[in-house]
Amino acid sequence: MVLNDVGDTSLLLGSQDVPPVREYNAEGRSPFLLTCDHYGRLIPRVLGDLGLPESELVRHIAWDIGIAGVAEMLSKHLGAHLIAQRYSRLVIDCNRPPDVASSIPLISETTTIPGNEGIAREAAELRRTQIFDPYHRRIGAIIDARRERKMPTILISLHSFTPVYAGIARPWHIGTLYQRDKLLPPLLLQLLRAESDLVVGDNEPYAVSDQTDYTIPVHAEARGLMNTGIEIRQDLISDQAGEKAWADRLARILGEVETIFRSRQVI
């Protein structure tokens, strides 16, 4: 069912709903801090199914398919702290500025989201204060705590992308996404392109910007942290074997990044 009165702001996350933030390896000492904005596809019980059939809620419009498994295994391999967000991007997109239209989408790809139509300002604000804000407050608090402990921090924002979008096939196996960082993305691109079996996107299939992204601009760029977004094509991580293969590969490559940066005394 869908919430009947989209202006009802008396409750969003109830006692049967889980907190929006999930963390792994909080004591990890790696310089890499992993974030996963579209880790989960949960919907608060009071919102029902947002008016969508289950077939839509398992698609890429609802979450980043496969990235949860990759992120968890990568966190373990690297000894890196992972902060993940459990709720569907259809409820509120935690990698969009809250004031843009795509924050609570009315249409995703070609799918209309009935439960987001006519949403009152107060109801939209509740989604922000109960899901978006706790997630980003936690990321900010972790970065601040690491800085106080004089721990280097390199932010890696993990995502996945659909192999076909709006009827257009995407050839890349993996892409690096960035905007202002001039240190990490070129090195990561070099190491990924040294893998003979990969088609690597340079700011493909998306590029980071202040208008279309939140995690990297706000948490990394505003603090002067090295950073990159990583996008993996979803058909490559659609099962546990694929998730493991990509977690293993990324752990090896990011290990090389850390070794190089330490030799250059960048971290």
Protein backbone atom coordinates (compact mmCIF):
# COMPACT_ATOMS: atom_id res chain seq x y z
CA MET A 1 0.00 0.00 0.00
CA VAL A 2 0.95 3.65 -0.35
CA LEU A 3 0.67 6.22 2.39
CA ASN A 4 -2.82 7.64 1.89
CA ASP A 5 -2.07 11.15 3.06
CA VAL A 6 1.30 12.26 1.74
CA GLY A 7 1.07 15.26 4.03
CA ASP A 8 1.01 13.10 7.18
CA THR A 9 4.34 13.73 8.89
CA SER A 10 3.52 12.14 12.23
CA LEU A 11 5.75 9.14 11.55
CA LEU A 12 8.24 7.93 8.99
CA LEU A 13 10.58 5.43 10.65
CA GLY A 14 8.67 3.46 13.26
CA SER A 15 9.73 0.84 15.76
CA GLN A 16 9.70 -1.86 13.08
CA ASP A 17 11.94 0.13 10.72
CA VAL A 18 15.72 -0.21 10.94
CA PRO A 19 18.02 2.82 11.30
CA PRO A 20 19.21 4.25 7.97
CA VAL A 21 22.93 3.87 8.69
CA ARG A 22 24.78 0.57 8.64
CA GLU A 23 28.50 0.35 9.39
CA TYR A 24 31.17 -2.27 8.91
CA ASN A 25 34.70 -2.47 10.27
CA ALA A 26 34.37 0.72 12.32
CA GLU A 27 37.78 0.09 13.91
CA GLY A 28 39.49 -0.31 10.55
CA ARG A 29 42.79 1.51 10.21
CA SER A 30 42.91 1.79 6.43
CA PRO A 31 43.27 5.30 4.96
CA PHE A 32 40.31 4.43 2.73
CA LEU A 33 36.88 5.41 4.03
CA LEU A 34 34.14 3.66 2.04
CA THR A 35 30.65 5.05 1.56
CA CYS A 36 27.66 3.41 -0.11
CA ASP A 37 24.78 5.82 -0.72
CA HIS A 38 22.55 3.34 -2.55
CA TYR A 39 23.40 0.20 -0.55
CA GLY A 40 19.82 -0.78 0.31
CA ARG A 41 16.30 -0.75 -1.08
CA LEU A 42 14.21 -0.63 2.09
CA ILE A 43 11.08 1.51 2.21
CA PRO A 44 9.63 2.76 5.52
CA ARG A 45 6.57 0.69 6.40
CA VAL A 46 4.32 3.74 6.46
CA LEU A 47 5.11 4.40 2.77
CA GLY A 48 4.15 0.88 1.71
CA ASP A 49 5.52 0.12 -1.74
CA LEU A 50 5.37 3.71 -3.07
CA GLY A 51 2.71 2.43 -5.45
CA LEU A 52 5.16 0.22 -7.34
CA PRO A 53 5.14 -3.53 -8.05
CA GLU A 54 7.95 -5.65 -6.65
CA SER A 55 9.37 -6.00 -10.17
CA GLU A 56 10.23 -2.27 -10.10
CA LEU A 57 11.54 -2.29 -6.53
CA VAL A 58 14.27 -4.82 -7.37
CA ARG A 59 15.48 -2.84 -10.42
CA HIS A 60 18.35 -0.38 -10.55
CA ILE A 61 15.93 2.51 -10.06
CA ALA A 62 15.54 1.49 -6.40
CA TRP A 63 19.17 0.76 -5.43
CA ASP A 64 22.65 0.01 -6.74
CA ILE A 65 22.41 -3.69 -7.51
CA GLY A 66 25.38 -5.75 -6.31
CA ILE A 67 27.31 -2.95 -4.64
CA ALA A 68 26.36 -3.98 -1.09
CA GLY A 69 28.20 -7.28 -1.39
CA VAL A 70 31.21 -5.66 -3.05
CA ALA A 71 31.36 -2.94 -0.40
CA GLU A 72 31.18 -5.35 2.53
CA MET A 73 33.90 -7.65 1.16
CA LEU A 74 36.09 -4.72 0.15
CA SER A 75 35.77 -3.28 3.66
CA LYS A 76 36.99 -6.60 5.07
CA HIS A 77 39.86 -6.96 2.58
CA LEU A 78 41.19 -3.44 3.15
CA GLY A 79 40.46 -3.15 6.85
CA ALA A 80 38.44 -0.07 5.88
CA HIS A 81 35.50 1.56 7.61
CA LEU A 82 32.31 1.35 5.51
CA ILE A 83 29.27 3.58 6.05
CA ALA A 84 26.20 2.43 4.12
CA GLN A 85 22.65 3.73 3.72
CA ARG A 86 19.86 1.16 3.89
CA TYR A 87 16.83 2.92 2.35
CA SER A 88 15.85 3.05 -1.31
CA ARG A 89 16.92 6.00 -3.40
CA LEU A 90 13.24 6.23 -4.39
CA VAL A 91 12.40 7.34 -0.83
CA ILE A 92 15.18 9.93 -0.86
CA ASP A 93 18.40 9.85 -2.84
CA CYS A 94 21.29 10.21 -0.41
CA ASN A 95 23.67 11.26 -3.18
CA ARG A 96 21.63 14.24 -4.34
CA PRO A 97 21.42 17.73 -2.85
CA PRO A 98 18.08 17.74 -1.00
CA ASP A 99 16.85 20.80 -2.88
CA VAL A 100 17.04 19.28 -6.38
CA ALA A 101 14.11 17.57 -8.09
CA SER A 102 15.86 14.19 -8.26
CA SER A 103 16.21 14.07 -4.47
CA ILE A 104 12.72 12.52 -4.20
CA PRO A 105 12.10 11.47 -7.80
CA LEU A 106 8.72 11.60 -9.50
CA ILE A 107 10.13 9.57 -12.41
CA SER A 108 13.15 7.27 -12.43
CA GLU A 109 14.34 6.28 -15.90
CA THR A 110 10.84 5.80 -17.41
CA THR A 111 9.03 4.67 -14.24
CA THR A 112 6.61 7.03 -12.47
CA ILE A 113 6.76 6.82 -8.67
CA PRO A 114 3.14 7.22 -7.46
CA GLY A 115 4.11 7.47 -3.79
CA ASN A 116 6.19 10.57 -4.51
CA GLU A 117 3.50 12.47 -6.40
CA GLY A 118 2.07 15.45 -4.58
CA ILE A 119 4.31 14.98 -1.56
CA ALA A 120 3.92 17.81 0.94
CA ARG A 121 6.90 19.90 1.95
CA GLU A 122 6.66 18.61 5.52
CA ALA A 123 6.65 14.99 4.38
CA ALA A 124 9.68 15.58 2.16
CA GLU A 125 11.47 17.25 5.05
CA LEU A 126 10.74 14.23 7.24
CA ARG A 127 12.44 11.95 4.73
CA ARG A 128 15.45 14.22 4.88
CA THR A 129 15.63 14.51 8.66
CA GLN A 130 15.11 10.79 9.35
CA ILE A 131 17.09 9.18 6.51
CA PHE A 132 19.33 11.62 4.64
CA ASP A 133 20.60 13.71 7.56
CA PRO A 134 21.57 10.84 9.93
CA TYR A 135 23.59 9.19 7.17
CA HIS A 136 25.50 12.31 6.25
CA ARG A 137 25.96 13.40 9.86
CA ARG A 138 27.58 10.05 10.53
CA ILE A 139 29.96 10.36 7.59
CA GLY A 140 30.93 13.85 8.72
CA ALA A 141 31.44 12.75 12.31
CA ILE A 142 33.66 9.85 11.25
CA ILE A 143 35.83 12.09 9.08
CA ASP A 144 36.16 14.62 11.90
CA ALA A 145 37.10 11.88 14.38
CA ARG A 146 39.72 10.50 11.98
CA ARG A 147 41.18 13.97 11.57
CA GLU A 148 41.41 14.39 15.35
CA ARG A 149 43.30 11.08 15.52
CA LYS A 150 45.51 12.26 12.65
CA MET A 151 44.39 9.37 10.45
CA PRO A 152 44.68 9.99 6.70
CA THR A 153 41.34 9.72 4.90
CA ILE A 154 40.73 8.91 1.25
CA LEU A 155 37.02 8.79 0.50
CA ILE A 156 35.81 6.10 -1.91
CA SER A 157 32.14 6.38 -2.87
CA LEU A 158 30.94 3.00 -4.17
CA HIS A 159 28.15 2.66 -6.73
CA SER A 160 26.94 0.42 -9.53
CA PHE A 161 25.25 1.22 -12.84
CA THR A 162 22.77 -0.52 -15.09
CA PRO A 163 24.26 -1.98 -18.31
CA VAL A 164 21.45 -0.47 -20.37
CA TYR A 165 19.83 2.88 -19.60
CA ALA A 166 16.91 4.27 -21.60
CA GLY A 167 17.68 1.72 -24.30
CA ILE A 168 21.35 2.68 -24.63
CA ALA A 169 24.00 0.05 -23.84
CA ARG A 170 26.97 1.07 -21.72
CA PRO A 171 30.28 -0.58 -22.66
CA TRP A 172 32.30 0.20 -19.52
CA HIS A 173 33.00 -2.46 -16.92
CA ILE A 174 33.97 0.14 -14.35
CA GLY A 175 34.20 3.90 -14.19
CA THR A 176 35.96 6.41 -11.97
CA LEU A 177 34.00 9.53 -11.07
CA TYR A 178 35.58 12.74 -9.87
CA GLN A 179 35.48 16.52 -10.06
CA ARG A 180 38.27 18.43 -8.26
CA ASP A 181 40.72 15.78 -7.02
CA LYS A 182 43.83 15.72 -9.22
CA LEU A 183 45.74 13.00 -7.35
CA LEU A 184 43.70 9.85 -6.88
CA PRO A 185 41.57 9.64 -10.07
CA PRO A 186 44.49 9.74 -12.56
CA LEU A 187 46.37 7.06 -10.63
CA LEU A 188 43.30 4.88 -10.27
CA LEU A 189 42.55 5.22 -13.97
CA GLN A 190 46.11 4.22 -14.81
CA LEU A 191 45.96 1.12 -12.64
CA LEU A 192 42.52 0.09 -13.88
CA ARG A 193 43.56 0.53 -17.52
CA ALA A 194 46.56 -1.69 -16.88
CA GLU A 195 44.04 -4.52 -16.39
CA SER A 196 43.91 -5.93 -19.91
CA ASP A 197 40.35 -7.26 -19.64
CA LEU A 198 38.64 -4.02 -18.59
CA VAL A 199 36.89 -1.24 -20.45
CA VAL A 200 37.35 1.70 -18.07
CA GLY A 201 35.28 4.87 -18.04
CA ASP A 202 36.85 8.24 -17.25
CA ASN A 203 33.95 10.08 -15.60
CA GLU A 204 31.67 7.55 -17.25
CA PRO A 205 28.83 6.69 -17.12
CA TYR A 206 28.50 9.75 -14.87
CA ALA A 207 30.62 12.68 -13.79
CA VAL A 208 30.63 14.23 -10.33
CA SER A 209 29.20 17.74 -9.96
CA ASP A 210 27.85 19.93 -7.18
CA GLN A 211 24.40 19.78 -8.79
CA THR A 212 24.12 16.01 -9.23
CA ASP A 213 26.14 14.65 -6.29
CA TYR A 214 26.37 15.17 -2.56
CA THR A 215 28.74 12.75 -0.83
CA ILE A 216 31.93 13.63 -2.71
CA PRO A 217 31.42 17.43 -2.95
CA VAL A 218 30.27 17.86 0.65
CA HIS A 219 32.36 15.34 2.57
CA ALA A 220 35.54 15.05 0.50
CA GLU A 221 36.03 18.12 -1.66
CA ALA A 222 34.87 20.61 0.97
CA ARG A 223 37.46 19.12 3.37
CA GLY A 224 40.25 18.79 0.82
CA LEU A 225 40.27 15.00 0.98
CA MET A 226 41.43 12.79 -1.86
CA ASN A 227 38.44 11.01 -3.30
CA THR A 228 36.84 9.14 -6.15
CA GLY A 229 33.56 7.57 -7.04
CA ILE A 230 33.68 4.01 -8.35
CA GLU A 231 30.89 2.66 -10.57
CA ILE A 232 30.76 -1.05 -11.45
CA ARG A 233 28.40 -2.40 -14.11
CA GLN A 234 25.62 -4.32 -12.46
CA ASP A 235 25.61 -7.40 -14.64
CA LEU A 236 29.18 -8.06 -13.48
CA ILE A 237 28.18 -8.10 -9.79
CA SER A 238 24.72 -9.67 -10.02
CA ASP A 239 25.73 -12.73 -8.00
CA GLN A 240 28.04 -13.53 -5.10
CA ALA A 241 30.82 -14.78 -7.36
CA GLY A 242 30.84 -11.50 -9.27
CA GLU A 243 30.77 -9.47 -6.07
CA LYS A 244 33.72 -11.40 -4.69
CA ALA A 245 35.73 -11.13 -7.90
CA TRP A 246 35.31 -7.36 -8.00
CA ALA A 247 35.97 -6.91 -4.29
CA ASP A 248 39.18 -8.93 -4.68
CA ARG A 249 40.25 -6.90 -7.71
CA LEU A 250 39.51 -3.54 -6.13
CA ALA A 251 41.28 -4.54 -2.91
CA ARG A 252 44.39 -5.39 -4.91
CA ILE A 253 44.28 -2.16 -6.94
CA LEU A 254 43.52 0.09 -3.99
CA GLY A 255 46.33 -1.65 -2.12
CA GLU A 256 48.63 -0.55 -4.95
CA VAL A 257 47.26 2.98 -4.64
CA GLU A 258 48.05 3.03 -0.93
CA THR A 259 51.58 1.71 -1.49
CA ILE A 260 52.28 4.35 -4.15
CA PHE A 261 50.87 7.18 -2.07
CA ARG A 262 52.89 6.12 0.98
CA SER A 263 56.07 5.97 -1.13
CA ARG A 264 55.34 9.50 -2.33
CA GLN A 265 54.53 10.55 1.26
CA VAL A 266 51.10 11.72 0.12
CA ILE A 267 49.54 9.89 3.08
